[in-house]
Amino acid sequence: MRVAFVGKGGSGKTTLSALFARHLARSGAPVLAIDGDINQHLAEALAPGTAPVPAPPLGAHLTELKDFLRGTNPRIASPEAMIKTTPPGRGSRLLRLLGDDEVHARHVVRAGDVPLMATGEFAESDLGVACYHSKLGAVELYLNHLADTPGEYVVVDMTAGADAFASGLFTRFDLTFLVAEPTRKGVSVYRQYRDHAREFGIRIAVIGNKVSGEDDLLFLKQEVGDDLLTHLVHSPAVRAAEQGRAQGELEPHNTHALRLLREAVDSCPRDWPTLHRHAVEFHLRNARAWADRATGLDLAAQVDPDYVPGPPALA
């Protein structure tokens, strides 16, 4: 199952991404966390006070990633002909979650209990010539070629705000958790996300964060309605970790909230045909908008009409 955490900057989405990924890992579930935020703080949130050995970031090795994933797909002549939205077809290399392949071997490190991949920081060489979506394209390609199965989890800490809608990445998930503080600014991103996601049938659940009393909870219920799944209260354990002090056990209410998140994810059946249809739709959009012109190719020809997505394609 694929899960995205989004929200306003400072809402706590990175903290919630880390708490949820750790919650899954400690239950014994296979889980991979991906840092898709421009600020790249997920490793620290997963393992406070430690410094995991950094792996080569996905975004800095996009050409190698494309060359590996295209495999023997006859519709993709070279990595230069492959763009971030290119969907898999017959001959493409598909990935098993944390499988024995060069993508996971090269790009995964452990951050505490959790395997982690990162897009990479916005480097000085990118200033004035690239946007962060060029790095997020690596995550989109990875998810497009991932044949994950029930009981496996990918947790992605996304960029802040509604910026994810600048690409088709927002359609790559089974469930999107929107972290909202009980303030007007906190719920404004929710409204943007809800309105855009509704057009594509994207599932959204809101997590109230930094809730300090009944007034906060009532505000969220009034503003969010039935999309409010659960909420977390102020956590001395999380604050201690963020300040570099010893972290105790997470509070019972917040632990219960994490269990509700997992139940919500597990109740979302994977719809492989829709997932692939969205991938094709955004590929064709990009082809028409800029990529045909940039590559000098008709990228619509990369769509394999006979490709069947999902684990059966691994055979």
C-alpha atoms as a PDB file:
ATOM      1  CA  MET A   1       0.000   0.000   0.000  1.00  0.00           C
ATOM      2  CA  ARG A   2       1.235   3.459  -0.886  1.00  0.00           C
ATOM      3  CA  VAL A   3       0.676   6.355   1.491  1.00  0.00           C
ATOM      4  CA  ALA A   4       1.442  10.062   1.065  1.00  0.00           C
ATOM      5  CA  PHE A   5       1.634  12.615   3.860  1.00  0.00           C
ATOM      6  CA  VAL A   6       0.882  16.185   2.786  1.00  0.00           C
ATOM      7  CA  GLY A   7       0.007  19.432   4.531  1.00  0.00           C
ATOM      8  CA  LYS A   8       0.984  23.009   5.152  1.00  0.00           C
ATOM      9  CA  GLY A   9       4.602  23.682   5.965  1.00  0.00           C
ATOM     10  CA  GLY A  10       5.058  23.254   9.715  1.00  0.00           C
ATOM     11  CA  SER A  11       1.903  21.165  10.131  1.00  0.00           C
ATOM     12  CA  GLY A  12       3.899  18.149  11.295  1.00  0.00           C
ATOM     13  CA  LYS A  13       3.615  15.993   8.164  1.00  0.00           C
ATOM     14  CA  THR A  14       7.269  14.878   8.353  1.00  0.00           C
ATOM     15  CA  THR A  15       6.852  13.943  12.009  1.00  0.00           C
ATOM     16  CA  LEU A  16       3.654  12.027  11.220  1.00  0.00           C
ATOM     17  CA  SER A  17       5.318  10.304   8.256  1.00  0.00           C
ATOM     18  CA  ALA A  18       8.099   9.133  10.545  1.00  0.00           C
ATOM     19  CA  LEU A  19       5.794   8.043  13.356  1.00  0.00           C
ATOM     20  CA  PHE A  20       3.640   6.037  10.969  1.00  0.00           C
ATOM     21  CA  ALA A  21       6.592   4.419   9.193  1.00  0.00           C
ATOM     22  CA  ARG A  22       8.131   3.438  12.541  1.00  0.00           C
ATOM     23  CA  HIS A  23       4.766   2.136  13.736  1.00  0.00           C
ATOM     24  CA  LEU A  24       4.562  -0.124  10.676  1.00  0.00           C
ATOM     25  CA  ALA A  25       8.182  -1.278  10.919  1.00  0.00           C
ATOM     26  CA  ARG A  26       7.880  -2.180  14.591  1.00  0.00           C
ATOM     27  CA  SER A  27       4.852  -4.334  13.801  1.00  0.00           C
ATOM     28  CA  GLY A  28       7.040  -6.374  11.452  1.00  0.00           C
ATOM     29  CA  ALA A  29       5.458  -5.068   8.251  1.00  0.00           C
ATOM     30  CA  PRO A  30       7.682  -4.491   5.210  1.00  0.00           C
ATOM     31  CA  VAL A  31       7.921  -0.708   4.862  1.00  0.00           C
ATOM     32  CA  LEU A  32       9.944   1.794   2.863  1.00  0.00           C
ATOM     33  CA  ALA A  33       9.959   5.507   3.689  1.00  0.00           C
ATOM     34  CA  ILE A  34      10.714   8.024   0.939  1.00  0.00           C
ATOM     35  CA  ASP A  35      11.699  11.617   1.644  1.00  0.00           C
ATOM     36  CA  GLY A  36      10.054  13.622  -1.123  1.00  0.00           C
ATOM     37  CA  ASP A  37      10.180  16.971   0.672  1.00  0.00           C
ATOM     38  CA  ILE A  38      12.548  19.690  -0.500  1.00  0.00           C
ATOM     39  CA  ASN A  39      13.749  20.118   3.096  1.00  0.00           C
ATOM     40  CA  GLN A  40      14.872  16.466   3.490  1.00  0.00           C
ATOM     41  CA  HIS A  41      14.275  16.020   7.227  1.00  0.00           C
ATOM     42  CA  LEU A  42      12.707  12.557   7.255  1.00  0.00           C
ATOM     43  CA  ALA A  43      15.897  10.692   8.185  1.00  0.00           C
ATOM     44  CA  GLU A  44      16.301  12.830  11.287  1.00  0.00           C
ATOM     45  CA  ALA A  45      12.635  12.320  12.221  1.00  0.00           C
ATOM     46  CA  LEU A  46      12.942   8.554  11.799  1.00  0.00           C
ATOM     47  CA  ALA A  47      16.099   8.272  13.888  1.00  0.00           C
ATOM     48  CA  PRO A  48      16.471  11.333  16.129  1.00  0.00           C
ATOM     49  CA  GLY A  49      19.997  11.962  17.304  1.00  0.00           C
ATOM     50  CA  THR A  50      21.625   9.674  14.745  1.00  0.00           C
ATOM     51  CA  ALA A  51      23.201  10.326  11.388  1.00  0.00           C
ATOM     52  CA  PRO A  52      22.455   7.510   8.919  1.00  0.00           C
ATOM     53  CA  VAL A  53      25.012   7.024   6.175  1.00  0.00           C
ATOM     54  CA  PRO A  54      23.525   8.918   3.242  1.00  0.00           C
ATOM     55  CA  ALA A  55      22.722   6.876   0.141  1.00  0.00           C
ATOM     56  CA  PRO A  56      22.953   8.314  -3.361  1.00  0.00           C
ATOM     57  CA  PRO A  57      19.711  10.294  -3.747  1.00  0.00           C
ATOM     58  CA  LEU A  58      17.255   9.192  -6.404  1.00  0.00           C
ATOM     59  CA  GLY A  59      17.028  12.626  -7.968  1.00  0.00           C
ATOM     60  CA  ALA A  60      20.762  12.822  -8.652  1.00  0.00           C
ATOM     61  CA  HIS A  61      20.772   9.503 -10.532  1.00  0.00           C
ATOM     62  CA  LEU A  62      17.736   9.923 -12.728  1.00  0.00           C
ATOM     63  CA  THR A  63      19.454   8.824 -15.939  1.00  0.00           C
ATOM     64  CA  GLU A  64      20.716   5.587 -14.372  1.00  0.00           C
ATOM     65  CA  LEU A  65      17.262   4.955 -12.888  1.00  0.00           C
ATOM     66  CA  LYS A  66      15.622   5.390 -16.284  1.00  0.00           C
ATOM     67  CA  ASP A  67      18.147   3.138 -17.997  1.00  0.00           C
ATOM     68  CA  PHE A  68      17.511   0.380 -15.473  1.00  0.00           C
ATOM     69  CA  LEU A  69      13.714   0.645 -15.474  1.00  0.00           C
ATOM     70  CA  ARG A  70      13.277   0.725 -19.245  1.00  0.00           C
ATOM     71  CA  GLY A  71      14.820  -2.738 -19.428  1.00  0.00           C
ATOM     72  CA  THR A  72      14.115  -4.260 -22.838  1.00  0.00           C
ATOM     73  CA  ASN A  73      10.935  -2.284 -23.466  1.00  0.00           C
ATOM     74  CA  PRO A  74      11.070  -1.745 -27.257  1.00  0.00           C
ATOM     75  CA  ARG A  75       8.984   1.424 -26.966  1.00  0.00           C
ATOM     76  CA  ILE A  76      11.775   3.233 -25.067  1.00  0.00           C
ATOM     77  CA  ALA A  77      14.916   3.490 -27.164  1.00  0.00           C
ATOM     78  CA  SER A  78      17.136   5.214 -24.587  1.00  0.00           C
ATOM     79  CA  PRO A  79      17.051   6.812 -21.129  1.00  0.00           C
ATOM     80  CA  GLU A  80      16.950  10.211 -22.861  1.00  0.00           C
ATOM     81  CA  ALA A  81      13.647   9.182 -24.473  1.00  0.00           C
ATOM     82  CA  MET A  82      12.156   8.381 -21.070  1.00  0.00           C
ATOM     83  CA  ILE A  83      10.506  11.113 -19.017  1.00  0.00           C
ATOM     84  CA  LYS A  84       9.288  11.122 -15.422  1.00  0.00           C
ATOM     85  CA  THR A  85       5.793   9.985 -16.409  1.00  0.00           C
ATOM     86  CA  THR A  86       6.758   7.205 -18.836  1.00  0.00           C
ATOM     87  CA  PRO A  87       4.624   4.231 -17.766  1.00  0.00           C
ATOM     88  CA  PRO A  88       5.927   0.668 -17.750  1.00  0.00           C
ATOM     89  CA  GLY A  89       5.196  -1.675 -20.610  1.00  0.00           C
ATOM     90  CA  ARG A  90       6.140  -5.169 -21.662  1.00  0.00           C
ATOM     91  CA  GLY A  91       9.898  -5.463 -21.246  1.00  0.00           C
ATOM     92  CA  SER A  92      10.163  -2.802 -18.544  1.00  0.00           C
ATOM     93  CA  ARG A  93      11.879  -3.785 -15.319  1.00  0.00           C
ATOM     94  CA  LEU A  94       9.430  -3.897 -12.425  1.00  0.00           C
ATOM     95  CA  LEU A  95      10.480  -3.675  -8.813  1.00  0.00           C
ATOM     96  CA  ARG A  96       9.480  -5.658  -5.748  1.00  0.00           C
ATOM     97  CA  LEU A  97       9.428  -3.614  -2.571  1.00  0.00           C
ATOM     98  CA  LEU A  98      12.938  -3.722  -1.075  1.00  0.00           C
ATOM     99  CA  GLY A  99      13.802  -6.365  -3.632  1.00  0.00           C
ATOM    100  CA  ASP A 100      17.210  -7.655  -4.678  1.00  0.00           C
ATOM    101  CA  ASP A 101      17.872  -5.126  -7.433  1.00  0.00           C
ATOM    102  CA  GLU A 102      20.315  -2.315  -8.069  1.00  0.00           C
ATOM    103  CA  VAL A 103      17.783   0.457  -7.336  1.00  0.00           C
ATOM    104  CA  HIS A 104      17.181  -0.657  -3.760  1.00  0.00           C
ATOM    105  CA  ALA A 105      20.791  -1.756  -3.261  1.00  0.00           C
ATOM    106  CA  ARG A 106      22.087   1.659  -4.283  1.00  0.00           C
ATOM    107  CA  HIS A 107      19.519   4.022  -2.814  1.00  0.00           C
ATOM    108  CA  VAL A 108      18.194   2.496   0.436  1.00  0.00           C
ATOM    109  CA  VAL A 109      19.704   3.169   3.862  1.00  0.00           C
ATOM    110  CA  ARG A 110      18.368   2.383   7.308  1.00  0.00           C
ATOM    111  CA  ALA A 111      17.167   5.232   9.477  1.00  0.00           C
ATOM    112  CA  GLY A 112      16.555   3.603  12.823  1.00  0.00           C
ATOM    113  CA  ASP A 113      14.061   0.792  12.233  1.00  0.00           C
ATOM    114  CA  VAL A 114      13.016   1.974   8.784  1.00  0.00           C
ATOM    115  CA  PRO A 115      14.547   1.565   5.295  1.00  0.00           C
ATOM    116  CA  LEU A 116      14.717   4.996   3.668  1.00  0.00           C
ATOM    117  CA  MET A 117      15.170   6.454   0.193  1.00  0.00           C
ATOM    118  CA  ALA A 118      15.495  10.182  -0.520  1.00  0.00           C
ATOM    119  CA  THR A 119      15.062  12.386  -3.551  1.00  0.00           C
ATOM    120  CA  GLY A 120      17.966  14.607  -2.515  1.00  0.00           C
ATOM    121  CA  GLU A 121      18.311  18.231  -1.640  1.00  0.00           C
ATOM    122  CA  PHE A 122      17.844  21.194  -3.933  1.00  0.00           C
ATOM    123  CA  ALA A 123      21.494  21.715  -4.831  1.00  0.00           C
ATOM    124  CA  GLU A 124      23.333  24.928  -5.680  1.00  0.00           C
ATOM    125  CA  SER A 125      23.692  23.692  -9.266  1.00  0.00           C
ATOM    126  CA  ASP A 126      19.882  23.598  -9.539  1.00  0.00           C
ATOM    127  CA  LEU A 127      19.432  27.274  -8.699  1.00  0.00           C
ATOM    128  CA  GLY A 128      17.834  29.165 -11.529  1.00  0.00           C
ATOM    129  CA  VAL A 129      17.835  26.196 -13.914  1.00  0.00           C
ATOM    130  CA  ALA A 130      15.664  23.464 -12.399  1.00  0.00           C
ATOM    131  CA  CYS A 131      12.641  22.956 -10.175  1.00  0.00           C
ATOM    132  CA  TYR A 132      12.301  20.392  -7.419  1.00  0.00           C
ATOM    133  CA  HIS A 133       9.877  18.374  -9.542  1.00  0.00           C
ATOM    134  CA  SER A 134      12.832  17.237 -11.625  1.00  0.00           C
ATOM    135  CA  LYS A 135      13.920  15.302  -8.522  1.00  0.00           C
ATOM    136  CA  LEU A 136      10.416  14.143  -7.608  1.00  0.00           C
ATOM    137  CA  GLY A 137      10.216  12.656 -11.093  1.00  0.00           C
ATOM    138  CA  ALA A 138      12.479   9.892  -9.793  1.00  0.00           C
ATOM    139  CA  VAL A 139       9.887   9.010  -7.130  1.00  0.00           C
ATOM    140  CA  GLU A 140       7.141   8.990  -9.762  1.00  0.00           C
ATOM    141  CA  LEU A 141       9.165   6.623 -11.961  1.00  0.00           C
ATOM    142  CA  TYR A 142       9.930   4.400  -8.981  1.00  0.00           C
ATOM    143  CA  LEU A 143       6.264   4.121  -7.991  1.00  0.00           C
ATOM    144  CA  ASN A 144       5.172   3.600 -11.612  1.00  0.00           C
ATOM    145  CA  HIS A 145       7.453   0.557 -11.797  1.00  0.00           C
ATOM    146  CA  LEU A 146       6.781  -0.819  -8.310  1.00  0.00           C
ATOM    147  CA  ALA A 147       4.692  -4.003  -8.140  1.00  0.00           C
ATOM    148  CA  ASP A 148       3.955  -3.897  -4.413  1.00  0.00           C
ATOM    149  CA  THR A 149       1.503  -6.292  -2.788  1.00  0.00           C
ATOM    150  CA  PRO A 150      -0.971  -6.137   0.150  1.00  0.00           C
ATOM    151  CA  GLY A 151       0.761  -5.931   3.499  1.00  0.00           C
ATOM    152  CA  GLU A 152       3.694  -3.940   2.088  1.00  0.00           C
ATOM    153  CA  TYR A 153       3.894  -0.190   2.691  1.00  0.00           C
ATOM    154  CA  VAL A 154       5.520   2.792   1.024  1.00  0.00           C
ATOM    155  CA  VAL A 155       5.303   5.998   3.085  1.00  0.00           C
ATOM    156  CA  VAL A 156       6.182   9.213   1.245  1.00  0.00           C
ATOM    157  CA  ASP A 157       6.753  12.547   2.963  1.00  0.00           C
ATOM    158  CA  MET A 158       5.645  14.967   0.237  1.00  0.00           C
ATOM    159  CA  THR A 159       6.404  18.617  -0.442  1.00  0.00           C
ATOM    160  CA  ALA A 160       4.444  21.159   1.598  1.00  0.00           C
ATOM    161  CA  GLY A 161       1.206  22.720   0.427  1.00  0.00           C
ATOM    162  CA  ALA A 162      -0.583  21.768  -2.773  1.00  0.00           C
ATOM    163  CA  ASP A 163       2.655  21.743  -4.761  1.00  0.00           C
ATOM    164  CA  ALA A 164       2.301  18.025  -5.459  1.00  0.00           C
ATOM    165  CA  PHE A 165      -0.328  18.853  -8.076  1.00  0.00           C
ATOM    166  CA  ALA A 166       2.385  20.223 -10.350  1.00  0.00           C
ATOM    167  CA  SER A 167       2.956  16.608 -11.440  1.00  0.00           C
ATOM    168  CA  GLY A 168       0.996  13.376 -11.584  1.00  0.00           C
ATOM    169  CA  LEU A 169       2.714  12.079  -8.456  1.00  0.00           C
ATOM    170  CA  PHE A 170      -0.387  12.775  -6.353  1.00  0.00           C
ATOM    171  CA  THR A 171      -2.225   9.959  -8.196  1.00  0.00           C
ATOM    172  CA  ARG A 172       0.343   7.294  -7.250  1.00  0.00           C
ATOM    173  CA  PHE A 173      -1.070   6.549  -3.786  1.00  0.00           C
ATOM    174  CA  ASP A 174      -3.771   4.359  -2.293  1.00  0.00           C
ATOM    175  CA  LEU A 175      -4.454   6.935   0.414  1.00  0.00           C
ATOM    176  CA  THR A 176      -3.261  10.472   1.071  1.00  0.00           C
ATOM    177  CA  PHE A 177      -3.109  11.692   4.658  1.00  0.00           C
ATOM    178  CA  LEU A 178      -3.427  15.441   4.936  1.00  0.00           C
ATOM    179  CA  VAL A 179      -2.017  16.767   8.215  1.00  0.00           C
ATOM    180  CA  ALA A 180      -3.892  19.835   9.410  1.00  0.00           C
ATOM    181  CA  GLU A 181      -3.420  22.048  12.432  1.00  0.00           C
ATOM    182  CA  PRO A 182      -6.612  23.440  14.002  1.00  0.00           C
ATOM    183  CA  THR A 183      -6.214  26.872  12.387  1.00  0.00           C
ATOM    184  CA  ARG A 184      -7.590  28.606   9.298  1.00  0.00           C
ATOM    185  CA  LYS A 185      -4.236  28.324   7.574  1.00  0.00           C
ATOM    186  CA  GLY A 186      -4.019  24.699   8.637  1.00  0.00           C
ATOM    187  CA  VAL A 187      -7.235  23.723   6.845  1.00  0.00           C
ATOM    188  CA  SER A 188      -6.702  25.932   3.782  1.00  0.00           C
ATOM    189  CA  VAL A 189      -4.330  23.389   2.202  1.00  0.00           C
ATOM    190  CA  TYR A 190      -6.939  20.711   2.881  1.00  0.00           C
ATOM    191  CA  ARG A 191      -9.500  22.584   0.801  1.00  0.00           C
ATOM    192  CA  GLN A 192      -7.039  22.969  -2.088  1.00  0.00           C
ATOM    193  CA  TYR A 193      -6.101  19.307  -1.971  1.00  0.00           C
ATOM    194  CA  ARG A 194      -9.695  18.147  -1.634  1.00  0.00           C
ATOM    195  CA  ASP A 195     -10.874  20.125  -4.630  1.00  0.00           C
ATOM    196  CA  HIS A 196      -8.041  18.995  -6.907  1.00  0.00           C
ATOM    197  CA  ALA A 197      -8.112  15.377  -5.754  1.00  0.00           C
ATOM    198  CA  ARG A 198     -11.864  15.043  -6.175  1.00  0.00           C
ATOM    199  CA  GLU A 199     -11.472  15.416  -9.933  1.00  0.00           C
ATOM    200  CA  PHE A 200      -9.387  12.226 -10.041  1.00  0.00           C
ATOM    201  CA  GLY A 201     -11.079  10.213  -7.314  1.00  0.00           C
ATOM    202  CA  ILE A 202      -8.060  10.430  -5.002  1.00  0.00           C
ATOM    203  CA  ARG A 203      -8.762   9.220  -1.469  1.00  0.00           C
ATOM    204  CA  ILE A 204      -7.949  11.769   1.256  1.00  0.00           C
ATOM    205  CA  ALA A 205      -8.115  11.447   5.029  1.00  0.00           C
ATOM    206  CA  VAL A 206      -7.342  14.329   7.364  1.00  0.00           C
ATOM    207  CA  ILE A 207      -5.233  13.939  10.489  1.00  0.00           C
ATOM    208  CA  GLY A 208      -5.641  16.733  12.998  1.00  0.00           C
ATOM    209  CA  ASN A 209      -2.327  17.583  14.618  1.00  0.00           C
ATOM    210  CA  LYS A 210      -1.273  19.658  17.622  1.00  0.00           C
ATOM    211  CA  VAL A 211      -4.799  19.434  19.034  1.00  0.00           C
ATOM    212  CA  SER A 212      -4.843  20.845  22.545  1.00  0.00           C
ATOM    213  CA  GLY A 213      -8.496  20.640  23.584  1.00  0.00           C
ATOM    214  CA  GLU A 214     -12.157  20.298  22.657  1.00  0.00           C
ATOM    215  CA  ASP A 215     -12.253  23.683  20.923  1.00  0.00           C
ATOM    216  CA  ASP A 216      -9.471  22.620  18.558  1.00  0.00           C
ATOM    217  CA  LEU A 217     -11.214  19.347  17.798  1.00  0.00           C
ATOM    218  CA  LEU A 218     -14.572  21.038  17.234  1.00  0.00           C
ATOM    219  CA  PHE A 219     -12.948  23.518  14.850  1.00  0.00           C
ATOM    220  CA  LEU A 220     -11.466  20.687  12.772  1.00  0.00           C
ATOM    221  CA  LYS A 221     -14.762  18.800  12.685  1.00  0.00           C
ATOM    222  CA  GLN A 222     -16.585  21.917  11.509  1.00  0.00           C
ATOM    223  CA  GLU A 223     -14.005  22.724   8.826  1.00  0.00           C
ATOM    224  CA  VAL A 224     -13.166  19.223   7.592  1.00  0.00           C
ATOM    225  CA  GLY A 225     -16.305  17.196   8.273  1.00  0.00           C
ATOM    226  CA  ASP A 226     -16.270  13.489   7.514  1.00  0.00           C
ATOM    227  CA  ASP A 227     -12.756  13.662   6.034  1.00  0.00           C
ATOM    228  CA  LEU A 228     -11.357  13.954   9.578  1.00  0.00           C
ATOM    229  CA  LEU A 229     -10.062  10.477  10.396  1.00  0.00           C
ATOM    230  CA  THR A 230      -8.378  11.095  13.740  1.00  0.00           C
ATOM    231  CA  HIS A 231      -6.183  13.547  15.593  1.00  0.00           C
ATOM    232  CA  LEU A 232      -2.997  13.660  17.626  1.00  0.00           C
ATOM    233  CA  VAL A 233      -2.457  15.632  20.782  1.00  0.00           C
ATOM    234  CA  HIS A 234       0.656  17.439  21.943  1.00  0.00           C
ATOM    235  CA  SER A 235       3.361  14.831  22.485  1.00  0.00           C
ATOM    236  CA  PRO A 236       6.094  15.300  25.096  1.00  0.00           C
ATOM    237  CA  ALA A 237       7.769  12.189  23.645  1.00  0.00           C
ATOM    238  CA  VAL A 238       8.015  13.719  20.175  1.00  0.00           C
ATOM    239  CA  ARG A 239       9.146  17.071  21.557  1.00  0.00           C
ATOM    240  CA  ALA A 240      11.892  15.365  23.571  1.00  0.00           C
ATOM    241  CA  ALA A 241      13.178  13.626  20.449  1.00  0.00           C
ATOM    242  CA  GLU A 242      13.099  16.847  18.445  1.00  0.00           C
ATOM    243  CA  GLN A 243      15.162  18.536  21.153  1.00  0.00           C
ATOM    244  CA  GLY A 244      17.730  15.726  21.178  1.00  0.00           C
ATOM    245  CA  ARG A 245      16.651  14.307  24.530  1.00  0.00           C
ATOM    246  CA  ALA A 246      15.761  10.693  25.317  1.00  0.00           C
ATOM    247  CA  GLN A 247      12.437   9.771  23.781  1.00  0.00           C
ATOM    248  CA  GLY A 248       9.949   7.899  25.912  1.00  0.00           C
ATOM    249  CA  GLU A 249       6.981   5.871  24.736  1.00  0.00           C
ATOM    250  CA  LEU A 250       4.450   7.644  22.558  1.00  0.00           C
ATOM    251  CA  GLU A 251       1.300   8.626  24.421  1.00  0.00           C
ATOM    252  CA  PRO A 252      -1.612   6.099  24.337  1.00  0.00           C
ATOM    253  CA  HIS A 253      -3.931   8.457  22.444  1.00  0.00           C
ATOM    254  CA  ASN A 254      -1.341   9.093  19.746  1.00  0.00           C
ATOM    255  CA  THR A 255      -0.468   5.388  19.487  1.00  0.00           C
ATOM    256  CA  HIS A 256      -4.168   4.660  18.987  1.00  0.00           C
ATOM    257  CA  ALA A 257      -4.286   7.312  16.252  1.00  0.00           C
ATOM    258  CA  LEU A 258      -1.471   5.523  14.394  1.00  0.00           C
ATOM    259  CA  ARG A 259      -3.433   2.276  14.579  1.00  0.00           C
ATOM    260  CA  LEU A 260      -6.412   4.059  13.020  1.00  0.00           C
ATOM    261  CA  LEU A 261      -4.167   5.289  10.198  1.00  0.00           C
ATOM    262  CA  ARG A 262      -3.070   1.742   9.431  1.00  0.00           C
ATOM    263  CA  GLU A 263      -6.650   0.469   9.518  1.00  0.00           C
ATOM    264  CA  ALA A 264      -7.640   3.196   7.066  1.00  0.00           C
ATOM    265  CA  VAL A 265      -4.801   2.287   4.695  1.00  0.00           C
ATOM    266  CA  ASP A 266      -5.519  -1.435   4.895  1.00  0.00           C
ATOM    267  CA  SER A 267      -9.183  -0.830   4.060  1.00  0.00           C
ATOM    268  CA  CYS A 268      -8.275   0.788   0.701  1.00  0.00           C
ATOM    269  CA  PRO A 269      -8.178  -1.891  -1.997  1.00  0.00           C
ATOM    270  CA  ARG A 270      -5.523  -1.457  -4.668  1.00  0.00           C
ATOM    271  CA  ASP A 271      -7.092  -0.538  -8.006  1.00  0.00           C
ATOM    272  CA  TRP A 272      -4.330  -1.399 -10.479  1.00  0.00           C
ATOM    273  CA  PRO A 273      -6.304  -0.465 -13.636  1.00  0.00           C
ATOM    274  CA  THR A 274      -7.088   3.023 -12.284  1.00  0.00           C
ATOM    275  CA  LEU A 275      -3.526   3.491 -11.055  1.00  0.00           C
ATOM    276  CA  HIS A 276      -2.199   2.671 -14.510  1.00  0.00           C
ATOM    277  CA  ARG A 277      -4.862   4.745 -16.262  1.00  0.00           C
ATOM    278  CA  HIS A 278      -3.814   7.807 -14.260  1.00  0.00           C
ATOM    279  CA  ALA A 279      -0.164   7.133 -15.118  1.00  0.00           C
ATOM    280  CA  VAL A 280      -0.978   7.001 -18.821  1.00  0.00           C
ATOM    281  CA  GLU A 281      -3.186  10.091 -18.636  1.00  0.00           C
ATOM    282  CA  PHE A 282      -0.479  12.229 -17.045  1.00  0.00           C
ATOM    283  CA  HIS A 283       2.135  10.858 -19.403  1.00  0.00           C
ATOM    284  CA  LEU A 284       0.056  11.966 -22.384  1.00  0.00           C
ATOM    285  CA  ARG A 285      -0.521  15.370 -20.761  1.00  0.00           C
ATOM    286  CA  ASN A 286       3.208  15.883 -20.332  1.00  0.00           C
ATOM    287  CA  ALA A 287       3.926  14.646 -23.825  1.00  0.00           C
ATOM    288  CA  ARG A 288       1.555  17.178 -25.361  1.00  0.00           C
ATOM    289  CA  ALA A 289       2.573  20.037 -23.068  1.00  0.00           C
ATOM    290  CA  TRP A 290       6.363  19.881 -23.399  1.00  0.00           C
ATOM    291  CA  ALA A 291       7.973  16.463 -23.686  1.00  0.00           C
ATOM    292  CA  ASP A 292       7.308  15.720 -27.372  1.00  0.00           C
ATOM    293  CA  ARG A 293       8.906  19.039 -28.203  1.00  0.00           C
ATOM    294  CA  ALA A 294      11.815  18.543 -25.811  1.00  0.00           C
ATOM    295  CA  THR A 295      12.665  15.025 -26.990  1.00  0.00           C
ATOM    296  CA  GLY A 296      11.671  15.343 -30.639  1.00  0.00           C
ATOM    297  CA  LEU A 297       9.629  12.142 -30.240  1.00  0.00           C
ATOM    298  CA  ASP A 298       5.987  11.120 -30.179  1.00  0.00           C
ATOM    299  CA  LEU A 299       5.907   9.952 -26.578  1.00  0.00           C
ATOM    300  CA  ALA A 300       2.344   8.696 -26.849  1.00  0.00           C
ATOM    301  CA  ALA A 301       3.935   5.732 -28.637  1.00  0.00           C
ATOM    302  CA  GLN A 302       5.532   4.723 -25.305  1.00  0.00           C
ATOM    303  CA  VAL A 303       2.125   3.628 -23.995  1.00  0.00           C
ATOM    304  CA  ASP A 304       1.757  -0.141 -24.347  1.00  0.00           C
ATOM    305  CA  PRO A 305      -1.973  -0.841 -24.852  1.00  0.00           C
ATOM    306  CA  ASP A 306      -1.542  -4.534 -24.011  1.00  0.00           C
ATOM    307  CA  TYR A 307       0.343  -4.033 -20.747  1.00  0.00           C
ATOM    308  CA  VAL A 308      -1.375  -5.475 -17.648  1.00  0.00           C
ATOM    309  CA  PRO A 309      -0.201  -3.650 -14.485  1.00  0.00           C
ATOM    310  CA  GLY A 310       0.473  -5.123 -11.088  1.00  0.00           C
ATOM    311  CA  PRO A 311       2.283  -8.161  -9.688  1.00  0.00           C
ATOM    312  CA  PRO A 312       1.173 -10.446 -12.562  1.00  0.00           C
ATOM    313  CA  ALA A 313       3.446  -8.390 -14.835  1.00  0.00           C
ATOM    314  CA  LEU A 314       6.433  -9.608 -12.822  1.00  0.00           C
ATOM    315  CA  ALA A 315       5.995 -12.972 -14.503  1.00  0.00           C
END
